[in-house]
Amino acid sequence: MRQKTKIKYNQDRLYYIICYTVIAILTLVVLYPIIYIISASLSNADSVVQGRVWLWPVDINLDAYKVLFNRKSIWVGYKNTIIYTVGGTVINLVITLMCAYPLARKNLRGRSAIMFLFSFTMLFNGGMIPNYVLVRELGLMNTRWSLMLPGAMSVYNMIVCRTFIQTNIPDELLEAAQIDGCRDSQFFFRVVLPLSKPIIAVLALWYGVSHWNAYFNAFLYLKNQDLYPLQIFLKELLVQSEQMGETEMVLGNSGSISQNLYVTLKYCVIIISTLPLFCVYPFVQKHFQKGVMVGSVKG
């Protein structure tokens, strides 16, 4: 008996060693590009081009950051992106929860037909041109609403939210609330929402990241530069810097310096565009695993 127990212990120990080794390797694979990008953005442009930066910053130089933050458009883009992210996420959450809760109720008439219509849109949609025509005819062109109202709800996210409510909020709780005279609206606001904090945090993260990285819709629907999100300004800055470097190289006027600075700018742009998300993620990370796993157990 002892020998069998010892063999099992050794097998489990070997298994955990393999698991931790694989996890450590994967962690290094994920962390190294992030560390390298941060180090390259803080290093001298010549050091980056010469390949002397591989882990830590070399000859720390903030010229690229100065170029970025001295541009007024960067701050305008940050302000607009925050507005789109916060406003769009609030709209997304309200509509998603308002759809998910009724569809989670088994006594909803026509629930299967409604779910079929929602699911149908995940496979077939009008495409880019019909969506553009729709936004134009609704009078949303060149307004902030053009980035927040189209796609106000993700059907996939709604299904995850509905499944979470079905899994974690039993019908007996609703029946007990109804016996006490609780109306559906009161049950939704006083019971469903407080118990749905994990999935709300997950959906807020998903929707927020989508709005923060939004580029194509802004490119289609916005013409006023005062409404541009951060991604548009960063893309224009990179294009302008690359063209400037190429022009100076053709003319033979210190082209290598400008081209090197352009290389550093690319890393700075990555940091500027992703840093806010890195700061927000730790606050919702504790809800992330529970919200995703529980909400995806049943369909």
Protein backbone atom coordinates (compact mmCIF):
# COMPACT_ATOMS: atom_id res chain seq x y z
CA MET A 1 0.00 0.00 0.00
CA ARG A 2 2.80 2.38 0.90
CA GLN A 3 4.60 1.59 -2.33
CA LYS A 4 1.49 2.35 -4.38
CA THR A 5 1.00 5.61 -2.52
CA LYS A 6 4.66 6.56 -3.11
CA ILE A 7 4.37 5.76 -6.83
CA LYS A 8 1.22 7.88 -7.09
CA TYR A 9 2.92 10.72 -5.21
CA ASN A 10 5.91 10.61 -7.57
CA GLN A 11 3.60 10.59 -10.60
CA ASP A 12 1.68 13.61 -9.29
CA ARG A 13 4.93 15.39 -8.50
CA LEU A 14 6.23 14.78 -12.01
CA TYR A 15 2.94 16.01 -13.45
CA TYR A 16 3.08 19.26 -11.45
CA ILE A 17 6.71 19.82 -12.40
CA ILE A 18 5.84 19.49 -16.08
CA CYS A 19 2.81 21.80 -15.70
CA TYR A 20 4.75 24.51 -13.87
CA THR A 21 7.59 24.28 -16.38
CA VAL A 22 5.24 24.71 -19.33
CA ILE A 23 3.45 27.60 -17.60
CA ALA A 24 6.77 29.30 -16.84
CA ILE A 25 7.90 28.99 -20.46
CA LEU A 26 4.59 30.34 -21.77
CA THR A 27 4.76 33.22 -19.29
CA LEU A 28 8.24 34.16 -20.52
CA VAL A 29 7.07 33.94 -24.13
CA VAL A 30 4.24 36.37 -23.36
CA LEU A 31 6.21 38.74 -21.11
CA TYR A 32 9.35 39.14 -23.22
CA PRO A 33 7.71 41.05 -26.13
CA ILE A 34 6.08 43.42 -23.63
CA ILE A 35 9.36 44.06 -21.80
CA TYR A 36 11.20 44.52 -25.10
CA ILE A 37 8.65 47.05 -26.40
CA ILE A 38 8.85 49.08 -23.18
CA SER A 39 12.66 48.99 -23.22
CA ALA A 40 12.85 49.93 -26.91
CA SER A 41 10.50 52.89 -26.41
CA LEU A 42 12.74 54.22 -23.61
CA SER A 43 16.07 53.61 -25.37
CA ASN A 44 18.10 55.69 -27.75
CA ALA A 45 16.92 55.24 -31.34
CA ASP A 46 20.41 54.31 -32.58
CA SER A 47 20.70 51.58 -29.94
CA VAL A 48 17.39 50.07 -31.02
CA VAL A 49 18.33 50.01 -34.70
CA GLN A 50 21.77 48.54 -33.94
CA GLY A 51 20.16 45.70 -31.98
CA ARG A 52 21.76 46.55 -28.65
CA VAL A 53 18.39 46.51 -26.89
CA TRP A 54 17.23 43.01 -26.07
CA LEU A 55 15.86 43.22 -22.50
CA TRP A 56 16.60 46.44 -20.57
CA PRO A 57 16.70 50.03 -21.91
CA VAL A 58 20.02 51.18 -23.37
CA ASP A 59 20.99 54.90 -23.31
CA ILE A 60 17.58 56.03 -22.03
CA ASN A 61 16.12 58.67 -24.33
CA LEU A 62 12.60 60.16 -24.28
CA ASP A 63 12.73 62.06 -27.57
CA ALA A 64 10.10 59.84 -29.18
CA TYR A 65 7.68 60.41 -26.28
CA LYS A 66 8.30 64.15 -26.51
CA VAL A 67 7.44 64.07 -30.21
CA LEU A 68 4.19 62.28 -29.43
CA PHE A 69 3.02 64.28 -26.44
CA ASN A 70 3.93 67.63 -28.00
CA ARG A 71 1.26 67.00 -30.61
CA LYS A 72 -2.14 68.39 -29.66
CA SER A 73 -3.87 65.70 -31.71
CA ILE A 74 -2.69 62.99 -29.28
CA TRP A 75 -4.55 64.63 -26.39
CA VAL A 76 -7.63 65.21 -28.54
CA GLY A 77 -7.54 61.55 -29.54
CA TYR A 78 -7.22 60.43 -25.93
CA LYS A 79 -10.22 62.53 -24.92
CA ASN A 80 -12.36 61.23 -27.76
CA THR A 81 -11.35 57.61 -27.19
CA ILE A 82 -12.23 57.84 -23.50
CA ILE A 83 -15.64 59.29 -24.42
CA TYR A 84 -16.27 56.55 -26.98
CA THR A 85 -15.06 53.81 -24.64
CA VAL A 86 -17.04 54.90 -21.57
CA GLY A 87 -20.20 55.95 -23.41
CA GLY A 88 -20.17 52.98 -25.79
CA THR A 89 -19.54 50.47 -23.00
CA VAL A 90 -22.43 51.84 -20.93
CA ILE A 91 -24.76 51.57 -23.92
CA ASN A 92 -23.53 48.05 -24.66
CA LEU A 93 -24.05 46.87 -21.08
CA VAL A 94 -27.53 48.36 -20.76
CA ILE A 95 -28.79 46.81 -24.00
CA THR A 96 -27.06 43.47 -23.41
CA LEU A 97 -28.49 43.07 -19.90
CA MET A 98 -31.95 44.18 -21.02
CA CYS A 99 -31.93 41.48 -23.70
CA ALA A 100 -30.22 38.75 -21.67
CA TYR A 101 -32.51 38.85 -18.63
CA PRO A 102 -35.87 38.31 -20.42
CA LEU A 103 -34.34 35.58 -22.59
CA ALA A 104 -33.10 33.85 -19.43
CA ARG A 105 -36.69 33.56 -18.19
CA LYS A 106 -38.25 30.23 -19.13
CA ASN A 107 -41.77 31.68 -19.16
CA LEU A 108 -40.99 34.16 -21.94
CA ARG A 109 -43.26 33.43 -24.89
CA GLY A 110 -41.50 32.95 -28.21
CA ARG A 111 -38.09 32.75 -26.53
CA SER A 112 -36.79 30.15 -29.00
CA ALA A 113 -37.88 32.21 -32.02
CA ILE A 114 -36.27 35.35 -30.62
CA MET A 115 -33.03 33.49 -29.91
CA PHE A 116 -33.07 32.14 -33.47
CA LEU A 117 -33.35 35.67 -34.86
CA PHE A 118 -30.46 36.84 -32.69
CA SER A 119 -28.32 33.84 -33.61
CA PHE A 120 -29.09 34.31 -37.30
CA THR A 121 -27.35 37.71 -37.23
CA MET A 122 -24.14 36.02 -36.05
CA LEU A 123 -23.94 34.08 -39.32
CA PHE A 124 -25.38 36.57 -41.82
CA ASN A 125 -25.26 40.36 -41.94
CA GLY A 126 -25.67 43.09 -44.51
CA GLY A 127 -21.99 43.94 -44.80
CA MET A 128 -20.03 47.16 -44.91
CA ILE A 129 -21.96 49.07 -47.60
CA PRO A 130 -25.48 48.49 -46.16
CA ASN A 131 -24.17 49.45 -42.72
CA TYR A 132 -22.68 52.63 -44.14
CA VAL A 133 -25.94 53.51 -45.89
CA LEU A 134 -27.88 52.83 -42.69
CA VAL A 135 -25.64 55.11 -40.62
CA ARG A 136 -25.89 57.84 -43.27
CA GLU A 137 -29.70 57.63 -43.53
CA LEU A 138 -30.03 57.77 -39.74
CA GLY A 139 -28.10 61.03 -39.75
CA LEU A 140 -25.26 59.69 -37.64
CA MET A 141 -22.45 60.51 -40.05
CA ASN A 142 -19.68 62.64 -38.58
CA THR A 143 -21.11 62.42 -35.04
CA ARG A 144 -19.99 60.61 -31.90
CA TRP A 145 -23.07 58.40 -32.07
CA SER A 146 -21.75 56.77 -35.24
CA LEU A 147 -19.11 54.98 -33.13
CA MET A 148 -21.35 54.10 -30.19
CA LEU A 149 -24.78 53.12 -31.56
CA PRO A 150 -23.90 50.77 -34.47
CA GLY A 151 -23.10 47.41 -32.98
CA ALA A 152 -24.59 48.46 -29.63
CA MET A 153 -24.94 44.81 -28.65
CA SER A 154 -22.87 41.71 -29.36
CA VAL A 155 -25.09 38.64 -29.70
CA TYR A 156 -22.29 36.42 -28.45
CA ASN A 157 -21.88 38.53 -25.31
CA MET A 158 -25.64 38.52 -24.80
CA ILE A 159 -25.72 34.70 -24.96
CA VAL A 160 -22.90 34.48 -22.41
CA CYS A 161 -24.76 36.90 -20.13
CA ARG A 162 -28.04 35.01 -20.51
CA THR A 163 -26.32 31.72 -19.69
CA PHE A 164 -24.71 33.27 -16.60
CA ILE A 165 -28.10 34.46 -15.33
CA GLN A 166 -29.67 31.07 -15.97
CA THR A 167 -26.83 29.30 -14.17
CA ASN A 168 -26.44 31.53 -11.11
CA ILE A 169 -29.92 32.91 -10.44
CA PRO A 170 -32.34 30.02 -9.81
CA ASP A 171 -36.07 30.21 -10.50
CA GLU A 172 -36.76 29.59 -6.81
CA LEU A 173 -35.23 32.97 -6.02
CA LEU A 174 -37.64 34.65 -8.41
CA GLU A 175 -40.59 32.77 -6.94
CA ALA A 176 -39.62 33.80 -3.42
CA ALA A 177 -39.33 37.42 -4.52
CA GLN A 178 -42.74 37.31 -6.22
CA ILE A 179 -44.33 35.93 -3.04
CA ASP A 180 -42.96 38.97 -1.20
CA GLY A 181 -44.60 41.22 -3.81
CA CYS A 182 -41.48 41.99 -5.85
CA ARG A 183 -42.14 43.11 -9.41
CA ASP A 184 -39.99 42.05 -12.38
CA SER A 185 -38.27 45.42 -12.57
CA GLN A 186 -37.48 45.37 -8.85
CA PHE A 187 -36.17 41.81 -9.11
CA PHE A 188 -33.92 42.81 -12.00
CA PHE A 189 -32.40 45.84 -10.28
CA ARG A 190 -32.25 44.52 -6.70
CA VAL A 191 -31.39 40.87 -7.28
CA VAL A 192 -30.17 40.13 -10.81
CA LEU A 193 -27.76 43.04 -11.19
CA PRO A 194 -26.00 42.66 -7.80
CA LEU A 195 -25.55 38.92 -8.40
CA SER A 196 -24.29 39.52 -11.95
CA LYS A 197 -21.27 41.65 -11.06
CA PRO A 198 -18.73 39.09 -12.37
CA ILE A 199 -20.29 38.86 -15.83
CA ILE A 200 -20.86 42.62 -15.95
CA ALA A 201 -17.15 43.16 -15.27
CA VAL A 202 -16.21 40.69 -18.02
CA LEU A 203 -18.59 42.26 -20.54
CA ALA A 204 -17.34 45.74 -19.63
CA LEU A 205 -13.78 44.60 -20.34
CA TRP A 206 -14.71 43.01 -23.66
CA TYR A 207 -16.76 45.98 -24.84
CA GLY A 208 -14.24 48.51 -23.51
CA VAL A 209 -11.30 46.91 -25.32
CA SER A 210 -13.34 46.80 -28.52
CA HIS A 211 -14.17 50.51 -28.31
CA TRP A 212 -10.64 51.49 -27.30
CA ASN A 213 -9.13 49.74 -30.32
CA ALA A 214 -11.86 50.86 -32.75
CA TYR A 215 -10.37 52.22 -35.95
CA PHE A 216 -12.26 51.15 -39.05
CA ASN A 217 -15.67 52.62 -38.16
CA ALA A 218 -14.05 55.95 -37.31
CA PHE A 219 -12.24 55.84 -40.65
CA LEU A 220 -15.59 55.33 -42.43
CA TYR A 221 -17.97 57.59 -40.56
CA LEU A 222 -15.89 60.54 -39.31
CA LYS A 223 -14.54 63.47 -41.30
CA ASN A 224 -14.12 66.03 -38.52
CA GLN A 225 -10.66 65.65 -37.00
CA ASP A 226 -11.92 66.96 -33.65
CA LEU A 227 -13.91 63.71 -33.36
CA TYR A 228 -11.12 61.32 -34.33
CA PRO A 229 -10.20 58.61 -31.80
CA LEU A 230 -6.63 58.01 -30.69
CA GLN A 231 -6.03 55.16 -33.14
CA ILE A 232 -6.61 57.42 -36.18
CA PHE A 233 -4.13 60.04 -34.95
CA LEU A 234 -1.49 57.43 -34.15
CA LYS A 235 -1.86 55.86 -37.59
CA GLU A 236 -1.48 59.28 -39.27
CA LEU A 237 1.56 60.06 -37.13
CA LEU A 238 3.29 56.83 -38.14
CA VAL A 239 2.54 57.44 -41.82
CA GLN A 240 3.85 61.01 -41.64
CA SER A 241 7.01 59.95 -39.78
CA GLU A 242 7.74 57.18 -42.28
CA GLN A 243 7.26 59.51 -45.24
CA MET A 244 9.47 62.15 -43.62
CA GLY A 245 12.24 59.62 -43.02
CA GLU A 246 12.07 58.30 -46.57
CA THR A 247 12.13 61.82 -48.02
CA GLU A 248 15.20 62.81 -46.05
CA MET A 249 16.98 59.61 -47.02
CA VAL A 250 16.38 60.37 -50.70
CA LEU A 251 17.72 63.90 -50.24
CA GLY A 252 20.68 62.58 -48.25
CA ASN A 253 20.02 64.84 -45.25
CA SER A 254 20.54 62.92 -41.99
CA GLY A 255 18.05 60.34 -43.14
CA SER A 256 19.36 57.69 -40.73
CA ILE A 257 18.51 59.82 -37.68
CA SER A 258 14.91 60.42 -38.74
CA GLN A 259 14.47 56.82 -39.77
CA ASN A 260 15.82 55.62 -36.43
CA LEU A 261 13.47 57.94 -34.57
CA TYR A 262 10.61 56.54 -36.61
CA VAL A 263 11.52 53.04 -35.42
CA THR A 264 11.36 54.20 -31.78
CA LEU A 265 8.08 56.01 -32.43
CA LYS A 266 6.45 52.73 -33.38
CA TYR A 267 7.21 51.27 -29.97
CA CYS A 268 6.04 54.43 -28.21
CA VAL A 269 2.75 54.29 -30.09
CA ILE A 270 2.20 50.72 -28.88
CA ILE A 271 2.81 51.76 -25.27
CA ILE A 272 0.55 54.82 -25.46
CA SER A 273 -2.30 52.91 -27.05
CA THR A 274 -2.20 49.92 -24.68
CA LEU A 275 -1.11 51.37 -21.32
CA PRO A 276 -4.64 52.40 -20.18
CA LEU A 277 -5.90 48.85 -20.79
CA PHE A 278 -3.04 47.42 -18.74
CA CYS A 279 -4.00 49.77 -15.90
CA VAL A 280 -7.70 48.81 -15.99
CA TYR A 281 -7.32 45.05 -16.36
CA PRO A 282 -6.12 44.28 -12.77
CA PHE A 283 -9.35 45.75 -11.37
CA VAL A 284 -11.57 43.33 -13.33
CA GLN A 285 -9.19 40.37 -13.44
CA LYS A 286 -10.63 38.85 -10.24
CA HIS A 287 -14.07 38.69 -11.89
CA PHE A 288 -12.82 37.62 -15.29
CA GLN A 289 -12.27 33.91 -14.71
CA LYS A 290 -15.48 33.39 -12.76
CA GLY A 291 -17.59 35.34 -15.23
CA VAL A 292 -16.30 33.54 -18.30
CA MET A 293 -16.19 30.02 -16.91
CA VAL A 294 -19.58 30.04 -15.22
CA GLY A 295 -21.25 31.81 -18.10
CA SER A 296 -20.01 29.25 -20.60
CA VAL A 297 -20.91 26.02 -18.84
CA LYS A 298 -24.39 25.71 -20.33
CA GLY A 299 -25.84 26.93 -23.61
